[in-house]
Protein backbone atom coordinates (compact mmCIF):
# COMPACT_ATOMS: atom_id res chain seq x y z
CA MET A 1 14.82 21.29 -84.05
CA THR A 2 11.07 20.47 -83.64
CA ALA A 3 9.55 20.21 -80.07
CA ARG A 4 9.37 16.36 -80.75
CA THR A 5 13.12 16.06 -81.32
CA THR A 6 13.75 18.09 -78.09
CA GLN A 7 11.60 16.08 -76.18
CA LEU A 8 13.16 12.68 -77.44
CA LEU A 9 16.59 14.11 -76.47
CA ILE A 10 15.46 14.92 -72.95
CA VAL A 11 13.76 11.44 -72.42
CA ALA A 12 17.10 9.85 -73.87
CA ALA A 13 19.39 11.88 -71.56
CA ALA A 14 17.11 11.00 -68.56
CA PHE A 15 17.32 7.33 -69.38
CA ALA A 16 21.26 7.38 -69.85
CA VAL A 17 21.63 9.15 -66.37
CA GLY A 18 19.31 6.52 -64.84
CA LEU A 19 21.20 3.79 -66.39
CA ALA A 20 24.50 5.26 -65.33
CA SER A 21 23.22 5.26 -61.72
CA VAL A 22 22.12 1.76 -61.76
CA LEU A 23 25.45 0.62 -63.24
CA ALA A 24 27.41 2.53 -60.52
CA VAL A 25 25.24 0.89 -57.52
CA VAL A 26 25.87 -2.63 -59.38
CA LEU A 27 29.75 -1.83 -59.49
CA LEU A 28 29.56 -0.52 -55.97
CA ILE A 29 27.91 -3.77 -54.44
CA SER A 30 30.00 -6.06 -56.50
CA GLY A 31 33.06 -4.57 -55.02
CA ARG A 32 34.44 -3.26 -58.40
CA MET A 33 34.27 0.43 -57.65
CA PRO A 34 35.59 1.92 -54.30
CA ALA A 35 33.10 3.25 -51.75
CA PRO A 36 32.39 6.90 -52.21
CA VAL A 37 32.89 9.32 -49.16
CA ALA A 38 29.43 9.84 -47.44
CA THR A 39 27.74 13.05 -48.23
CA THR A 40 25.60 14.97 -45.81
CA ALA A 41 22.25 14.36 -47.14
CA SER A 42 21.60 10.76 -46.64
CA ALA A 43 18.48 8.84 -46.87
CA VAL A 44 19.63 6.14 -44.76
CA GLY A 45 20.00 6.08 -41.08
CA GLY A 46 18.79 8.31 -38.18
CA PRO A 47 17.71 8.34 -34.38
CA PHE A 48 17.04 5.18 -32.50
CA ARG A 49 16.99 4.07 -28.93
CA LEU A 50 17.28 0.12 -28.34
CA VAL A 51 18.55 -2.15 -25.75
CA ASP A 52 21.90 -4.13 -26.23
CA GLN A 53 22.66 -7.76 -25.08
CA ASN A 54 23.60 -6.67 -21.60
CA GLY A 55 20.42 -4.68 -21.01
CA ARG A 56 22.16 -1.17 -21.59
CA THR A 57 20.34 1.54 -23.42
CA VAL A 58 21.87 2.49 -26.91
CA THR A 59 21.25 5.29 -29.05
CA ASP A 60 22.31 6.70 -32.15
CA ALA A 61 24.06 9.54 -30.23
CA ASP A 62 26.34 6.84 -28.55
CA LEU A 63 27.72 5.87 -31.76
CA LYS A 64 28.85 9.26 -32.93
CA GLY A 65 32.80 9.47 -33.11
CA ARG A 66 33.53 6.18 -34.58
CA PRO A 67 32.49 4.52 -37.93
CA PHE A 68 30.24 1.64 -37.48
CA LEU A 69 28.74 -1.48 -39.54
CA VAL A 70 25.03 -2.43 -38.97
CA PHE A 71 23.58 -5.78 -40.02
CA PHE A 72 19.96 -6.68 -39.66
CA GLY A 73 18.92 -10.13 -38.69
CA PHE A 74 17.55 -12.57 -36.28
CA THR A 75 18.74 -15.25 -34.18
CA HIS A 76 16.74 -18.09 -35.51
CA CYS A 77 18.12 -17.49 -39.14
CA PRO A 78 19.63 -20.61 -40.55
CA ASP A 79 22.35 -19.27 -42.84
CA VAL A 80 22.62 -15.85 -43.84
CA CYS A 81 22.74 -14.16 -40.65
CA PRO A 82 25.58 -16.49 -38.95
CA THR A 83 27.35 -16.37 -42.24
CA THR A 84 27.43 -12.58 -42.30
CA LEU A 85 28.26 -12.31 -38.77
CA PHE A 86 31.11 -14.68 -39.13
CA GLU A 87 32.41 -12.48 -41.87
CA VAL A 88 32.02 -9.35 -39.90
CA SER A 89 33.92 -11.13 -36.99
CA GLU A 90 36.86 -11.95 -39.45
CA VAL A 91 37.02 -8.44 -40.45
CA LEU A 92 37.30 -7.25 -36.94
CA ARG A 93 39.88 -9.98 -36.01
CA GLN A 94 41.79 -8.43 -39.11
CA LEU A 95 41.77 -5.13 -37.69
CA GLY A 96 43.59 -5.93 -34.64
CA PRO A 97 43.78 -3.29 -32.08
CA ASP A 98 42.01 -1.10 -34.58
CA ALA A 99 38.90 -2.82 -34.14
CA ASP A 100 38.24 -0.77 -30.77
CA GLY A 101 37.88 2.19 -32.80
CA VAL A 102 34.93 0.63 -34.71
CA ARG A 103 31.53 -0.46 -33.74
CA ALA A 104 29.57 -3.36 -35.26
CA LEU A 105 25.80 -3.65 -34.67
CA PHE A 106 23.58 -6.84 -35.05
CA VAL A 107 20.03 -5.38 -35.02
CA THR A 108 17.30 -8.00 -34.53
CA VAL A 109 14.39 -7.78 -37.10
CA ASP A 110 12.48 -10.28 -34.58
CA PRO A 111 12.18 -8.48 -31.31
CA GLU A 112 9.42 -11.03 -30.47
CA ARG A 113 11.79 -13.75 -30.01
CA ASP A 114 15.19 -11.90 -29.55
CA THR A 115 15.34 -10.85 -26.13
CA PRO A 116 18.75 -9.40 -24.89
CA GLU A 117 19.47 -12.64 -23.21
CA LYS A 118 18.97 -14.35 -26.39
CA LEU A 119 21.15 -12.06 -28.26
CA LYS A 120 23.81 -12.47 -25.50
CA ASP A 121 23.87 -16.17 -25.88
CA TYR A 122 23.85 -15.88 -29.85
CA LEU A 123 26.56 -13.37 -30.13
CA SER A 124 28.78 -15.30 -27.98
CA ASN A 125 29.73 -17.30 -31.11
CA PHE A 126 31.19 -14.25 -32.64
CA ASP A 127 33.68 -11.43 -32.14
CA PRO A 128 33.12 -9.80 -28.71
CA HIS A 129 33.18 -6.41 -30.39
CA LEU A 130 29.69 -7.30 -31.93
CA ILE A 131 26.72 -5.42 -30.21
CA GLY A 132 23.32 -6.84 -30.37
CA LEU A 133 20.51 -4.55 -30.28
CA THR A 134 16.58 -5.21 -29.63
CA GLY A 135 13.73 -3.59 -27.83
CA MET A 136 9.99 -3.07 -27.85
CA PRO A 137 8.49 -3.92 -31.45
CA ASP A 138 7.55 -0.29 -31.95
CA ALA A 139 11.19 1.07 -31.15
CA VAL A 140 12.88 -1.60 -33.29
CA GLU A 141 10.37 -0.91 -36.22
CA ARG A 142 11.47 2.81 -35.95
CA MET A 143 15.01 1.88 -36.60
CA LEU A 144 14.26 -0.51 -39.36
CA LYS A 145 12.19 2.32 -41.14
CA VAL A 146 15.01 4.82 -40.80
CA TYR A 147 17.66 2.55 -42.14
CA ARG A 148 15.03 1.55 -44.92
CA VAL A 149 15.16 -2.21 -43.98
CA TYR A 150 12.76 -4.68 -45.53
CA TYR A 151 11.48 -7.07 -43.22
CA LYS A 152 8.36 -9.52 -43.31
CA LYS A 153 7.35 -12.45 -41.05
CA VAL A 154 6.59 -15.43 -43.09
CA PRO A 155 4.64 -18.41 -41.28
CA SER A 156 6.35 -21.85 -41.45
CA ASP A 157 5.42 -25.31 -40.95
CA GLY A 158 4.26 -26.42 -37.46
CA GLY A 159 2.94 -22.77 -36.36
CA GLY A 160 6.11 -21.06 -36.25
CA TYR A 161 7.58 -18.49 -38.56
CA THR A 162 10.81 -17.22 -40.08
CA MET A 163 11.79 -13.69 -41.12
CA ASP A 164 12.60 -12.45 -44.71
CA HIS A 165 14.83 -9.24 -44.30
CA THR A 166 17.38 -6.86 -46.13
CA ALA A 167 20.77 -8.74 -45.98
CA LEU A 168 23.09 -5.69 -46.47
CA VAL A 169 25.80 -4.64 -44.16
CA TYR A 170 25.51 -0.88 -43.88
CA LEU A 171 28.95 1.03 -43.47
CA MET A 172 28.12 4.46 -41.37
CA ASP A 173 30.76 7.03 -40.76
CA LYS A 174 31.63 8.64 -37.60
CA GLN A 175 28.80 11.05 -37.90
CA GLY A 176 26.37 8.42 -38.41
CA ARG A 177 25.94 9.12 -42.10
CA PHE A 178 25.43 6.24 -44.66
CA VAL A 179 28.69 5.64 -46.81
CA ALA A 180 27.96 2.55 -48.86
CA PRO A 181 26.80 -1.18 -48.43
CA PHE A 182 29.85 -2.67 -46.91
CA ASN A 183 31.33 -5.45 -49.27
CA LEU A 184 32.39 -8.52 -47.29
CA LYS A 185 33.19 -10.67 -50.56
CA GLN A 186 36.15 -8.65 -51.33
CA GLY A 187 38.12 -10.54 -48.96
CA THR A 188 38.91 -10.12 -45.16
CA ALA A 189 42.09 -8.09 -45.49
CA GLU A 190 40.81 -5.90 -48.16
CA ALA A 191 37.58 -5.26 -46.33
CA ALA A 192 39.39 -4.54 -43.12
CA ALA A 193 41.65 -2.03 -45.18
CA ASN A 194 38.63 -0.38 -46.59
CA LEU A 195 36.85 0.01 -42.92
CA ARG A 196 40.29 1.17 -41.77
CA ARG A 197 39.90 4.24 -44.04
CA TYR A 198 36.96 5.58 -41.92
CA LEU A 199 38.60 5.43 -38.70
């Protein structure tokens, strides 16, 4: 076997591994493959210190011991955020009493406008288990970075702005480790059953 042939085989093998990884992610997000159990080495999640809708300090340490969902958005969001929070609320209702063993966070990407009072008013439209988090812009930015969240302020007509942002719901285990994107499109009962696995 020539050196050129060996090199081509190595490139082909690397391409096949990369293609398999991409396919696995697509299947996972589309709900056609079960979520994997979290591994100890995770590139998503980490320490944070923010304030909830009642003005109480919440840190990553406070979440240890329960699985939790995290969704990043903002209260001026016209469609994706309220739709996602409604779907998360339906899953929590489906869990019944087990919902007390889960946390569900709505973390703002717009701390400039989303005060604790604003979050409290906004979240009154959804399941009471939802916890809204905000804080000083630098503290919010730190959490967005450790969760690898894309966000960008986009000017709008009339001098206002909107926010582009990652629209995934993150499923984290009891140790605060990332498990997988949480699939809300699989149906409320199935989503609740999948979440119950991590209790």
